[in-house]
Protein backbone atom coordinates (compact mmCIF):
# COMPACT_ATOMS: atom_id res chain seq x y z
CA MET A 1 14.49 -26.14 14.88
CA PRO A 2 14.13 -23.56 12.11
CA ALA A 3 10.65 -22.91 10.73
CA LYS A 4 9.68 -23.61 7.13
CA LEU A 5 10.20 -20.53 4.96
CA CYS A 6 7.10 -18.36 4.37
CA THR A 7 4.95 -20.08 6.98
CA ALA A 8 3.30 -18.29 9.87
CA GLU A 9 5.90 -19.79 12.23
CA TYR A 10 8.67 -18.24 10.15
CA PHE A 11 7.00 -14.84 9.70
CA GLN A 12 6.04 -14.75 13.38
CA GLN A 13 9.75 -14.64 14.17
CA VAL A 14 10.09 -11.74 11.72
CA ALA A 15 7.06 -10.07 13.36
CA ASP A 16 8.49 -10.52 16.85
CA ALA A 17 11.77 -8.92 15.77
CA LEU A 18 9.98 -5.97 14.12
CA ASN A 19 7.66 -5.46 17.09
CA ALA A 20 10.64 -5.47 19.47
CA ASP A 21 12.45 -2.84 17.38
CA GLU A 22 11.50 0.56 18.79
CA ASP A 23 13.15 2.37 15.88
CA PHE A 24 11.05 0.38 13.39
CA ARG A 25 7.85 1.12 15.32
CA ASP A 26 8.69 4.84 15.40
CA ASP A 27 9.72 5.03 11.74
CA ALA A 28 6.76 2.93 10.61
CA GLU A 29 4.06 4.64 12.68
CA ASN A 30 1.97 5.18 9.51
CA PHE A 31 2.75 1.72 8.08
CA SER A 32 -0.63 -0.03 7.99
CA PHE A 33 -0.71 -2.81 5.43
CA TYR A 34 -2.14 -6.32 5.17
CA PHE A 35 0.16 -8.66 3.24
CA LEU A 36 -0.26 -12.15 1.87
CA PHE A 37 3.11 -13.79 1.11
CA GLN A 38 2.95 -16.87 -1.15
CA VAL A 39 5.37 -19.41 -2.60
CA THR A 40 4.30 -19.89 -6.22
CA ASP A 41 5.81 -23.33 -6.70
CA ASP A 42 4.09 -24.55 -3.51
CA PRO A 43 0.88 -22.49 -3.39
CA THR A 44 -0.20 -24.10 -0.12
CA VAL A 45 2.63 -22.20 1.61
CA MET A 46 1.35 -18.71 2.33
CA CYS A 47 1.19 -16.35 5.26
CA ALA A 48 -0.98 -13.34 6.09
CA MET A 49 0.77 -10.57 8.01
CA LYS A 50 -1.03 -7.43 9.15
CA PHE A 51 0.66 -4.19 10.20
CA GLU A 52 -1.18 -1.44 12.04
CA ASN A 53 0.77 1.75 12.63
CA GLY A 54 4.10 -0.05 12.54
CA VAL A 55 3.08 -2.98 14.74
CA VAL A 56 2.44 -6.50 13.48
CA THR A 57 -1.00 -7.33 14.83
CA GLU A 58 -1.62 -10.55 12.94
CA CYS A 59 0.55 -13.28 11.51
CA ARG A 60 -1.00 -16.59 10.44
CA ASN A 61 -1.01 -19.28 7.81
CA ALA A 62 -3.33 -18.22 5.02
CA SER A 63 -5.41 -19.63 2.20
CA GLU A 64 -6.39 -18.42 -1.27
CA ALA A 65 -9.51 -16.83 0.25
CA ASP A 66 -7.26 -14.46 2.19
CA ALA A 67 -6.15 -12.83 -1.06
CA ASP A 68 -9.53 -11.07 -1.10
CA VAL A 69 -9.04 -9.44 2.31
CA CYS A 70 -5.33 -8.68 2.12
CA GLY A 71 -4.43 -5.40 0.48
CA TYR A 72 -1.15 -6.77 -0.88
CA VAL A 73 -0.36 -10.16 -2.38
CA VAL A 74 3.35 -10.81 -2.82
CA THR A 75 4.43 -13.97 -4.65
CA ALA A 76 7.75 -15.54 -5.57
CA THR A 77 9.24 -18.95 -6.19
CA ARG A 78 10.83 -20.85 -3.32
CA GLU A 79 14.24 -20.04 -4.81
CA SER A 80 13.50 -16.30 -4.86
CA TRP A 81 12.15 -16.36 -1.28
CA GLU A 82 15.34 -18.16 -0.22
CA LYS A 83 17.46 -15.50 -1.90
CA LEU A 84 15.43 -12.77 -0.18
CA ALA A 85 15.72 -14.54 3.16
CA THR A 86 19.49 -14.87 2.84
CA GLY A 87 20.07 -11.32 1.62
CA LYS A 88 21.16 -12.46 -1.86
CA LEU A 89 18.19 -10.71 -3.47
CA ASN A 90 17.07 -7.17 -2.74
CA ALA A 91 13.26 -6.75 -2.65
CA ILE A 92 13.32 -3.80 -5.08
CA SER A 93 15.49 -5.55 -7.65
CA GLY A 94 13.36 -8.67 -7.18
CA ILE A 95 10.23 -6.72 -8.09
CA VAL A 96 11.92 -4.91 -10.98
CA THR A 97 13.25 -8.17 -12.47
CA GLY A 98 9.99 -10.03 -11.90
CA ARG A 99 11.41 -12.53 -9.41
CA ILE A 100 9.02 -11.10 -6.86
CA LYS A 101 5.54 -10.24 -8.04
CA LEU A 102 3.11 -7.83 -6.48
CA LYS A 103 -0.12 -9.56 -7.56
CA LYS A 104 -2.31 -7.11 -5.65
CA GLY A 105 -1.72 -3.73 -4.06
CA SER A 106 -0.32 -0.33 -4.93
CA LYS A 107 3.36 -0.19 -5.80
CA MET A 108 3.23 3.57 -5.25
CA GLU A 109 2.05 3.13 -1.64
CA LEU A 110 4.86 0.67 -1.00
CA VAL A 111 7.38 3.05 -2.55
CA LYS A 112 6.17 5.77 -0.15
CA ASN A 113 6.90 3.34 2.69
CA LEU A 114 10.00 1.77 1.18
CA ASP A 115 12.16 1.94 4.29
CA SER A 116 9.55 0.19 6.45
CA ALA A 117 8.68 -2.39 3.78
CA GLY A 118 12.37 -3.05 3.19
CA GLN A 119 12.94 -3.72 6.86
CA ILE A 120 10.59 -6.72 6.67
CA PHE A 121 13.00 -8.32 4.22
CA GLU A 122 16.05 -7.24 6.22
CA GLU A 123 14.62 -9.06 9.25
CA MET A 124 13.91 -12.11 7.09
CA ALA A 125 17.63 -12.35 6.39
CA LYS A 126 18.28 -12.78 10.12
CA ILE A 127 15.85 -15.67 10.68
CA PRO A 128 17.02 -19.25 10.04
CA PHE A 129 14.67 -21.41 7.95
CA GLU A 130 14.35 -24.86 6.45
């Protein structure tokens, strides 16, 4: 049964795929970020995902308190997350148009690691969800 979009169960499948991808791990060896992903129209749905040198070391359901410890807070409506997760919305265009909001964190750091960050969303498009 598919996991609910943007939950730890869903993102754990994304994490497993990224961790199994040797090319991602090699390309993302300096990718060390701590993300909080949140659905704005259902703020109880959020996930914390931590990357250390290209490896996902933590993936769990999160709470508002986690926004303080995560370096990046990424929010979007359920509709926008669905479009991201089906490949109908590109992460960059989503940020530029405001469909995806970076509430916390450096856009410049993400831009420096655009290929690795983008691969998170590419993997999302491969994972079924409800």
